[in-house]
C-alpha atoms as a PDB file:
ATOM      1  CA  UNK A   1       8.105 -12.967 -15.855  1.00  0.00           C
ATOM      2  CA  UNK A   2       8.580  -9.055 -16.156  1.00  0.00           C
ATOM      3  CA  UNK A   3       8.619  -9.063 -19.853  1.00  0.00           C
ATOM      4  CA  UNK A   4       5.145 -11.216 -20.112  1.00  0.00           C
ATOM      5  CA  UNK A   5       3.794  -8.689 -17.823  1.00  0.00           C
ATOM      6  CA  UNK A   6       4.936  -5.848 -19.883  1.00  0.00           C
ATOM      7  CA  UNK A   7       3.536  -7.275 -22.864  1.00  0.00           C
ATOM      8  CA  UNK A   8       0.301  -7.656 -21.222  1.00  0.00           C
ATOM      9  CA  UNK A   9      -0.016  -3.948 -20.005  1.00  0.00           C
ATOM     10  CA  UNK A  10       0.530  -2.790 -23.316  1.00  0.00           C
ATOM     11  CA  UNK A  11      -1.973  -5.104 -24.369  1.00  0.00           C
ATOM     12  CA  UNK A  12      -4.645  -3.972 -22.188  1.00  0.00           C
ATOM     13  CA  UNK A  13      -3.533  -0.116 -22.853  1.00  0.00           C
ATOM     14  CA  UNK A  14      -4.203  -0.650 -26.727  1.00  0.00           C
ATOM     15  CA  UNK A  15      -7.433  -2.307 -25.770  1.00  0.00           C
ATOM     16  CA  UNK A  16      -9.039   0.400 -23.422  1.00  0.00           C
ATOM     17  CA  UNK A  17      -7.504   3.027 -25.662  1.00  0.00           C
ATOM     18  CA  UNK A  18     -10.886   3.933 -27.351  1.00  0.00           C
ATOM     19  CA  UNK A  19     -12.511   4.094 -24.173  1.00  0.00           C
ATOM     20  CA  UNK A  20      -9.955   6.921 -23.074  1.00  0.00           C
ATOM     21  CA  UNK A  21     -10.387   8.788 -26.702  1.00  0.00           C
ATOM     22  CA  UNK A  22     -14.513   8.955 -25.711  1.00  0.00           C
ATOM     23  CA  UNK A  23     -13.459  10.374 -22.277  1.00  0.00           C
ATOM     24  CA  UNK A  24     -11.123  12.931 -23.077  1.00  0.00           C
ATOM     25  CA  UNK A  25     -13.557  14.141 -25.899  1.00  0.00           C
ATOM     26  CA  UNK A  26     -16.150  14.316 -23.480  1.00  0.00           C
ATOM     27  CA  UNK A  27     -13.829  16.046 -20.771  1.00  0.00           C
ATOM     28  CA  UNK A  28     -15.058  13.659 -18.103  1.00  0.00           C
ATOM     29  CA  UNK A  29     -13.472  14.518 -14.744  1.00  0.00           C
ATOM     30  CA  UNK A  30     -10.491  12.271 -13.468  1.00  0.00           C
ATOM     31  CA  UNK A  31     -12.005  12.200  -9.961  1.00  0.00           C
ATOM     32  CA  UNK A  32     -15.507  11.179 -11.426  1.00  0.00           C
ATOM     33  CA  UNK A  33     -13.755   8.313 -13.029  1.00  0.00           C
ATOM     34  CA  UNK A  34     -11.971   7.252 -10.081  1.00  0.00           C
ATOM     35  CA  UNK A  35     -15.296   7.565  -7.660  1.00  0.00           C
ATOM     36  CA  UNK A  36     -17.069   5.401 -10.080  1.00  0.00           C
ATOM     37  CA  UNK A  37     -14.588   2.852 -10.602  1.00  0.00           C
ATOM     38  CA  UNK A  38     -14.146   2.729  -6.680  1.00  0.00           C
ATOM     39  CA  UNK A  39     -17.955   2.090  -6.375  1.00  0.00           C
ATOM     40  CA  UNK A  40     -17.423  -0.626  -8.901  1.00  0.00           C
ATOM     41  CA  UNK A  41     -15.095  -2.181  -6.903  1.00  0.00           C
ATOM     42  CA  UNK A  42     -17.320  -1.908  -3.706  1.00  0.00           C
ATOM     43  CA  UNK A  43     -19.963  -3.657  -5.521  1.00  0.00           C
ATOM     44  CA  UNK A  44     -17.749  -6.493  -6.346  1.00  0.00           C
ATOM     45  CA  UNK A  45     -16.521  -6.937  -2.993  1.00  0.00           C
ATOM     46  CA  UNK A  46     -20.169  -7.635  -2.034  1.00  0.00           C
ATOM     47  CA  UNK A  47     -20.456 -10.038  -4.757  1.00  0.00           C
ATOM     48  CA  UNK A  48     -17.478 -11.834  -3.551  1.00  0.00           C
ATOM     49  CA  UNK A  49     -18.792 -12.107   0.125  1.00  0.00           C
ATOM     50  CA  UNK A  50     -22.344 -13.557  -1.516  1.00  0.00           C
ATOM     51  CA  UNK A  51     -20.260 -16.306  -2.964  1.00  0.00           C
ATOM     52  CA  UNK A  52     -20.474 -15.325  -6.893  1.00  0.00           C
ATOM     53  CA  UNK A  53     -16.544 -15.564  -7.291  1.00  0.00           C
ATOM     54  CA  UNK A  54     -16.658 -16.146 -11.080  1.00  0.00           C
ATOM     55  CA  UNK A  55     -19.263 -12.894 -11.371  1.00  0.00           C
ATOM     56  CA  UNK A  56     -17.003 -11.136  -9.355  1.00  0.00           C
ATOM     57  CA  UNK A  57     -13.975 -11.776 -10.972  1.00  0.00           C
ATOM     58  CA  UNK A  58     -15.376 -10.761 -14.350  1.00  0.00           C
ATOM     59  CA  UNK A  59     -16.882  -7.708 -12.965  1.00  0.00           C
ATOM     60  CA  UNK A  60     -13.180  -6.719 -11.302  1.00  0.00           C
ATOM     61  CA  UNK A  61     -11.491  -7.324 -14.538  1.00  0.00           C
ATOM     62  CA  UNK A  62     -13.713  -5.084 -16.732  1.00  0.00           C
ATOM     63  CA  UNK A  63     -14.066  -2.279 -13.893  1.00  0.00           C
ATOM     64  CA  UNK A  64     -10.521  -2.531 -13.268  1.00  0.00           C
ATOM     65  CA  UNK A  65     -10.087  -0.408 -16.434  1.00  0.00           C
ATOM     66  CA  UNK A  66     -11.003   2.629 -14.543  1.00  0.00           C
ATOM     67  CA  UNK A  67      -7.944   2.493 -12.349  1.00  0.00           C
ATOM     68  CA  UNK A  68      -5.861   3.319 -15.471  1.00  0.00           C
ATOM     69  CA  UNK A  69      -8.424   5.530 -17.263  1.00  0.00           C
ATOM     70  CA  UNK A  70      -8.507   8.211 -14.188  1.00  0.00           C
ATOM     71  CA  UNK A  71      -4.412   8.601 -15.037  1.00  0.00           C
ATOM     72  CA  UNK A  72      -4.754   8.644 -18.837  1.00  0.00           C
ATOM     73  CA  UNK A  73      -7.673  11.309 -18.820  1.00  0.00           C
ATOM     74  CA  UNK A  74      -6.109  13.517 -16.284  1.00  0.00           C
ATOM     75  CA  UNK A  75      -2.787  13.456 -18.017  1.00  0.00           C
ATOM     76  CA  UNK A  76      -4.435  14.153 -21.818  1.00  0.00           C
ATOM     77  CA  UNK A  77      -6.776  17.004 -20.463  1.00  0.00           C
ATOM     78  CA  UNK A  78      -4.265  18.813 -18.223  1.00  0.00           C
ATOM     79  CA  UNK A  79      -6.088  18.036 -15.079  1.00  0.00           C
ATOM     80  CA  UNK A  80      -3.397  16.204 -13.293  1.00  0.00           C
ATOM     81  CA  UNK A  81      -3.600  17.783  -9.979  1.00  0.00           C
ATOM     82  CA  UNK A  82      -2.161  17.014  -6.116  1.00  0.00           C
ATOM     83  CA  UNK A  83      -5.278  16.521  -4.666  1.00  0.00           C
ATOM     84  CA  UNK A  84      -6.416  14.095  -7.829  1.00  0.00           C
ATOM     85  CA  UNK A  85      -3.219  12.003  -7.028  1.00  0.00           C
ATOM     86  CA  UNK A  86      -4.207  11.535  -3.276  1.00  0.00           C
ATOM     87  CA  UNK A  87      -7.826  11.123  -4.024  1.00  0.00           C
ATOM     88  CA  UNK A  88      -7.018   8.392  -6.081  1.00  0.00           C
ATOM     89  CA  UNK A  89      -4.338   6.784  -3.967  1.00  0.00           C
ATOM     90  CA  UNK A  90      -6.875   6.894  -0.776  1.00  0.00           C
ATOM     91  CA  UNK A  91      -9.911   5.082  -2.791  1.00  0.00           C
ATOM     92  CA  UNK A  92      -7.350   2.492  -3.877  1.00  0.00           C
ATOM     93  CA  UNK A  93      -7.056   1.619  -0.301  1.00  0.00           C
ATOM     94  CA  UNK A  94     -10.702   1.543   0.006  1.00  0.00           C
ATOM     95  CA  UNK A  95     -11.061  -0.767  -2.691  1.00  0.00           C
ATOM     96  CA  UNK A  96      -8.385  -3.007  -1.259  1.00  0.00           C
ATOM     97  CA  UNK A  97      -9.785  -3.399   1.755  1.00  0.00           C
ATOM     98  CA  UNK A  98     -13.603  -3.850   0.417  1.00  0.00           C
ATOM     99  CA  UNK A  99     -12.068  -6.852  -2.189  1.00  0.00           C
ATOM    100  CA  UNK A 100     -10.133  -8.777   0.488  1.00  0.00           C
ATOM    101  CA  UNK A 101     -12.992  -7.908   3.214  1.00  0.00           C
ATOM    102  CA  UNK A 102     -15.436  -9.350   0.548  1.00  0.00           C
ATOM    103  CA  UNK A 103     -13.662 -12.719   0.356  1.00  0.00           C
ATOM    104  CA  UNK A 104     -13.094 -12.688   4.400  1.00  0.00           C
ATOM    105  CA  UNK A 105     -16.745 -12.665   4.706  1.00  0.00           C
ATOM    106  CA  UNK A 106     -17.212 -15.575   2.239  1.00  0.00           C
ATOM    107  CA  UNK A 107     -14.729 -18.124   3.808  1.00  0.00           C
ATOM    108  CA  UNK A 108     -16.233 -16.754   7.508  1.00  0.00           C
ATOM    109  CA  UNK A 109     -19.667 -18.167   6.070  1.00  0.00           C
ATOM    110  CA  UNK A 110     -18.476 -21.380   4.886  1.00  0.00           C
ATOM    111  CA  UNK A 111     -20.401 -23.519   7.213  1.00  0.00           C
ATOM    112  CA  UNK A 112     -23.137 -21.881   5.791  1.00  0.00           C
ATOM    113  CA  UNK A 113     -22.820 -22.085   2.077  1.00  0.00           C
ATOM    114  CA  UNK A 114     -20.594 -25.109   2.133  1.00  0.00           C
ATOM    115  CA  UNK A 115     -18.846 -24.287  -0.668  1.00  0.00           C
ATOM    116  CA  UNK A 116     -15.249 -24.963   0.359  1.00  0.00           C
ATOM    117  CA  UNK A 117     -13.701 -28.101   2.530  1.00  0.00           C
ATOM    118  CA  UNK A 118     -15.174 -27.500   5.746  1.00  0.00           C
ATOM    119  CA  UNK A 119     -11.869 -27.020   7.567  1.00  0.00           C
ATOM    120  CA  UNK A 120     -10.949 -24.001   5.290  1.00  0.00           C
ATOM    121  CA  UNK A 121     -12.883 -21.234   7.046  1.00  0.00           C
ATOM    122  CA  UNK A 122     -11.314 -20.216   9.988  1.00  0.00           C
ATOM    123  CA  UNK A 123      -7.687 -20.615   9.003  1.00  0.00           C
ATOM    124  CA  UNK A 124      -8.488 -18.424   5.492  1.00  0.00           C
ATOM    125  CA  UNK A 125     -10.215 -15.899   7.509  1.00  0.00           C
ATOM    126  CA  UNK A 126      -6.813 -15.477   9.423  1.00  0.00           C
ATOM    127  CA  UNK A 127      -4.948 -15.771   6.129  1.00  0.00           C
ATOM    128  CA  UNK A 128      -7.189 -12.848   4.639  1.00  0.00           C
ATOM    129  CA  UNK A 129      -6.809 -10.423   7.927  1.00  0.00           C
ATOM    130  CA  UNK A 130      -3.253 -10.812   7.299  1.00  0.00           C
ATOM    131  CA  UNK A 131      -3.595 -10.236   3.800  1.00  0.00           C
ATOM    132  CA  UNK A 132      -5.326  -7.101   4.609  1.00  0.00           C
ATOM    133  CA  UNK A 133      -2.810  -6.156   7.061  1.00  0.00           C
ATOM    134  CA  UNK A 134      -0.090  -6.653   4.539  1.00  0.00           C
ATOM    135  CA  UNK A 135      -1.722  -4.904   1.557  1.00  0.00           C
ATOM    136  CA  UNK A 136      -2.099  -1.755   3.668  1.00  0.00           C
ATOM    137  CA  UNK A 137       1.425  -1.902   4.849  1.00  0.00           C
ATOM    138  CA  UNK A 138       2.519  -2.393   1.528  1.00  0.00           C
ATOM    139  CA  UNK A 139       0.988   0.906   0.681  1.00  0.00           C
ATOM    140  CA  UNK A 140       1.681   2.891   3.753  1.00  0.00           C
ATOM    141  CA  UNK A 141       5.850   1.811   3.597  1.00  0.00           C
ATOM    142  CA  UNK A 142       5.860   3.505   0.138  1.00  0.00           C
ATOM    143  CA  UNK A 143       3.823   6.445   0.861  1.00  0.00           C
ATOM    144  CA  UNK A 144       6.117   7.179   4.010  1.00  0.00           C
ATOM    145  CA  UNK A 145       9.145   6.741   2.334  1.00  0.00           C
ATOM    146  CA  UNK A 146       8.525   8.963  -0.492  1.00  0.00           C
ATOM    147  CA  UNK A 147       7.041  11.380   1.992  1.00  0.00           C
ATOM    148  CA  UNK A 148      11.231  11.305   3.249  1.00  0.00           C
ATOM    149  CA  UNK A 149      12.508  11.440  -0.292  1.00  0.00           C
ATOM    150  CA  UNK A 150      13.001   7.757  -1.200  1.00  0.00           C
ATOM    151  CA  UNK A 151      11.823   6.197  -3.981  1.00  0.00           C
ATOM    152  CA  UNK A 152       9.910   2.536  -3.889  1.00  0.00           C
ATOM    153  CA  UNK A 153       7.977   2.786  -6.863  1.00  0.00           C
ATOM    154  CA  UNK A 154       9.476  -0.455  -8.351  1.00  0.00           C
ATOM    155  CA  UNK A 155      10.390  -2.172  -5.083  1.00  0.00           C
ATOM    156  CA  UNK A 156       8.555  -5.213  -4.293  1.00  0.00           C
ATOM    157  CA  UNK A 157       7.648  -8.624  -5.719  1.00  0.00           C
ATOM    158  CA  UNK A 158       3.943  -7.693  -6.404  1.00  0.00           C
ATOM    159  CA  UNK A 159       2.520  -4.196  -7.113  1.00  0.00           C
ATOM    160  CA  UNK A 160      -1.141  -3.067  -6.869  1.00  0.00           C
ATOM    161  CA  UNK A 161      -1.940  -3.766 -10.606  1.00  0.00           C
ATOM    162  CA  UNK A 162      -0.529  -7.686 -10.096  1.00  0.00           C
ATOM    163  CA  UNK A 163      -2.937  -7.818  -7.218  1.00  0.00           C
ATOM    164  CA  UNK A 164      -6.150  -6.756  -9.075  1.00  0.00           C
ATOM    165  CA  UNK A 165      -5.074  -9.146 -11.991  1.00  0.00           C
ATOM    166  CA  UNK A 166      -4.609 -12.418  -9.574  1.00  0.00           C
ATOM    167  CA  UNK A 167      -7.977 -11.364  -7.772  1.00  0.00           C
ATOM    168  CA  UNK A 168      -9.723 -10.979 -11.585  1.00  0.00           C
ATOM    169  CA  UNK A 169      -8.668 -13.262 -13.913  1.00  0.00           C
ATOM    170  CA  UNK A 170      -8.202 -16.689 -11.869  1.00  0.00           C
ATOM    171  CA  UNK A 171     -11.656 -16.192 -10.213  1.00  0.00           C
ATOM    172  CA  UNK A 172     -13.134 -15.319 -13.505  1.00  0.00           C
ATOM    173  CA  UNK A 173     -12.347 -18.511 -15.079  1.00  0.00           C
ATOM    174  CA  UNK A 174     -12.167 -20.977 -12.498  1.00  0.00           C
ATOM    175  CA  UNK A 175     -14.509 -19.507  -9.686  1.00  0.00           C
ATOM    176  CA  UNK A 176     -14.676 -22.268  -7.378  1.00  0.00           C
ATOM    177  CA  UNK A 177     -13.313 -25.244  -9.645  1.00  0.00           C
ATOM    178  CA  UNK A 178     -11.464 -27.826  -7.951  1.00  0.00           C
ATOM    179  CA  UNK A 179     -13.527 -27.402  -4.838  1.00  0.00           C
ATOM    180  CA  UNK A 180     -12.258 -23.853  -4.260  1.00  0.00           C
ATOM    181  CA  UNK A 181      -8.591 -24.898  -4.045  1.00  0.00           C
ATOM    182  CA  UNK A 182      -7.679 -22.592  -6.990  1.00  0.00           C
ATOM    183  CA  UNK A 183      -9.071 -19.391  -4.695  1.00  0.00           C
ATOM    184  CA  UNK A 184      -7.801 -20.715  -1.607  1.00  0.00           C
ATOM    185  CA  UNK A 185      -4.497 -20.576  -3.361  1.00  0.00           C
ATOM    186  CA  UNK A 186      -5.041 -17.215  -4.866  1.00  0.00           C
ATOM    187  CA  UNK A 187      -5.507 -15.782  -1.193  1.00  0.00           C
ATOM    188  CA  UNK A 188      -2.678 -17.405   0.241  1.00  0.00           C
ATOM    189  CA  UNK A 189      -0.348 -16.034  -2.303  1.00  0.00           C
ATOM    190  CA  UNK A 190      -1.720 -12.494  -2.182  1.00  0.00           C
ATOM    191  CA  UNK A 191      -1.296 -12.481   1.347  1.00  0.00           C
ATOM    192  CA  UNK A 192       1.736 -13.848   1.501  1.00  0.00           C
ATOM    193  CA  UNK A 193       3.379 -11.397  -1.173  1.00  0.00           C
ATOM    194  CA  UNK A 194       2.045  -8.738   0.242  1.00  0.00           C
ATOM    195  CA  UNK A 195       4.008  -9.069   3.335  1.00  0.00           C
ATOM    196  CA  UNK A 196       7.124 -10.012   1.427  1.00  0.00           C
ATOM    197  CA  UNK A 197       6.689  -6.815  -0.517  1.00  0.00           C
ATOM    198  CA  UNK A 198       6.388  -4.716   2.708  1.00  0.00           C
ATOM    199  CA  UNK A 199       9.676  -6.070   4.301  1.00  0.00           C
ATOM    200  CA  UNK A 200      11.456  -5.701   0.763  1.00  0.00           C
ATOM    201  CA  UNK A 201      10.529  -2.150   1.165  1.00  0.00           C
ATOM    202  CA  UNK A 202      11.433  -1.538   4.832  1.00  0.00           C
ATOM    203  CA  UNK A 203      14.636  -3.500   4.195  1.00  0.00           C
ATOM    204  CA  UNK A 204      15.186  -0.937   1.009  1.00  0.00           C
ATOM    205  CA  UNK A 205      14.794   2.284   3.302  1.00  0.00           C
ATOM    206  CA  UNK A 206      16.864   0.786   5.689  1.00  0.00           C
ATOM    207  CA  UNK A 207      19.580   0.325   3.499  1.00  0.00           C
ATOM    208  CA  UNK A 208      19.047   3.827   1.675  1.00  0.00           C
ATOM    209  CA  UNK A 209      19.218   5.414   5.189  1.00  0.00           C
ATOM    210  CA  UNK A 210      21.983   3.433   6.955  1.00  0.00           C
ATOM    211  CA  UNK A 211      24.996   5.962   6.263  1.00  0.00           C
ATOM    212  CA  UNK A 212      22.737   8.513   8.071  1.00  0.00           C
ATOM    213  CA  UNK A 213      23.805   9.219  11.668  1.00  0.00           C
ATOM    214  CA  UNK A 214      21.537   9.934  14.164  1.00  0.00           C
ATOM    215  CA  UNK A 215      20.275  13.797  14.257  1.00  0.00           C
ATOM    216  CA  UNK A 216      21.203  14.194  17.877  1.00  0.00           C
ATOM    217  CA  UNK A 217      24.643  12.745  17.200  1.00  0.00           C
ATOM    218  CA  UNK A 218      25.259  14.967  14.182  1.00  0.00           C
ATOM    219  CA  UNK A 219      24.051  17.958  16.577  1.00  0.00           C
ATOM    220  CA  UNK A 220      26.284  17.361  19.392  1.00  0.00           C
ATOM    221  CA  UNK A 221      29.490  16.547  17.252  1.00  0.00           C
ATOM    222  CA  UNK A 222      28.894  20.010  15.491  1.00  0.00           C
ATOM    223  CA  UNK A 223      28.700  22.276  18.636  1.00  0.00           C
ATOM    224  CA  UNK A 224      31.687  22.426  20.848  1.00  0.00           C
ATOM    225  CA  UNK A 225      31.250  21.643  24.368  1.00  0.00           C
ATOM    226  CA  UNK A 226      32.733  24.040  26.805  1.00  0.00           C
ATOM    227  CA  UNK A 227      33.802  21.809  30.010  1.00  0.00           C
ATOM    228  CA  UNK A 228      32.301  23.757  33.024  1.00  0.00           C
ATOM    229  CA  UNK A 229      34.395  24.140  36.544  1.00  0.00           C
ATOM    230  CA  UNK A 230      32.326  23.057  39.322  1.00  0.00           C
ATOM    231  CA  UNK A 231      32.565  25.062  42.362  1.00  0.00           C
ATOM    232  CA  UNK A 232      34.941  24.096  45.262  1.00  0.00           C
ATOM    233  CA  UNK A 233      35.282  25.003  48.617  1.00  0.00           C
ATOM    234  CA  UNK A 234      38.345  27.329  47.730  1.00  0.00           C
ATOM    235  CA  UNK A 235      35.839  29.095  45.104  1.00  0.00           C
ATOM    236  CA  UNK A 236      33.380  29.726  47.797  1.00  0.00           C
ATOM    237  CA  UNK A 237      35.957  31.057  50.247  1.00  0.00           C
ATOM    238  CA  UNK A 238      37.436  33.440  47.392  1.00  0.00           C
ATOM    239  CA  UNK A 239      34.297  34.428  46.102  1.00  0.00           C
ATOM    240  CA  UNK A 240      35.130  33.737  42.516  1.00  0.00           C
ATOM    241  CA  UNK A 241      32.456  30.965  41.782  1.00  0.00           C
ATOM    242  CA  UNK A 242      31.892  30.312  37.996  1.00  0.00           C
ATOM    243  CA  UNK A 243      29.172  32.345  35.919  1.00  0.00           C
ATOM    244  CA  UNK A 244      25.856  30.838  36.766  1.00  0.00           C
ATOM    245  CA  UNK A 245      25.605  30.205  32.798  1.00  0.00           C
ATOM    246  CA  UNK A 246      28.488  27.869  32.845  1.00  0.00           C
ATOM    247  CA  UNK A 247      26.272  25.513  34.686  1.00  0.00           C
ATOM    248  CA  UNK A 248      24.277  24.862  31.426  1.00  0.00           C
ATOM    249  CA  UNK A 249      27.232  22.854  30.119  1.00  0.00           C
ATOM    250  CA  UNK A 250      27.663  20.510  32.989  1.00  0.00           C
ATOM    251  CA  UNK A 251      27.056  16.747  31.450  1.00  0.00           C
ATOM    252  CA  UNK A 252      23.736  15.423  32.979  1.00  0.00           C
ATOM    253  CA  UNK A 253      24.199  12.892  35.759  1.00  0.00           C
END
């Protein structure tokens, strides 16, 4: 499966190479490409919501190239910046929410357009809401782990490029064929794999940090503890009470 996906990626990059060359020659700002691609994805979400599933699939398949082109242009023109990476990642979350949100609206309005079996509306709204949470959790776990110095780039069964491909290609070719069951299956698959990927990443971080001792335990073990002497009646009589500072080392009650 990985070999097939790598072959598809290489072919896709060869197809869009002339577009990338043109944008490099024109010195287009990579952030402009990112913004334009996100606006196209927002439009795709609206088209999903209105029930034009096949049109939305084709539009998403075409405009998904901007997800790749902004990085290509940034690297080839020497404009790769920290803000650019942050901006791209942030707008990716907006795009994910727009696509799954549009599909959620489509299923919620099934009693109006009757494009799907009548009983599928409410259950699929629940499935897609779980998918939205799972998708954002997948992204957050990676961002948080990498902020802690743990690499999660290839951890998980489904990355964002595969999610976009599943949202674009089957819908472009099948639309609501088979009474919408192709679309339903894709939505269930996306939601399930988003949660599986999030759990895989959480497990990976747990294993990567399982050898660490809690910071408080390490601090306590590294500082020698001086045993304090509690005052007794004999101390009071003789007047040789312990120094006040020693009380700070008494164990908590």
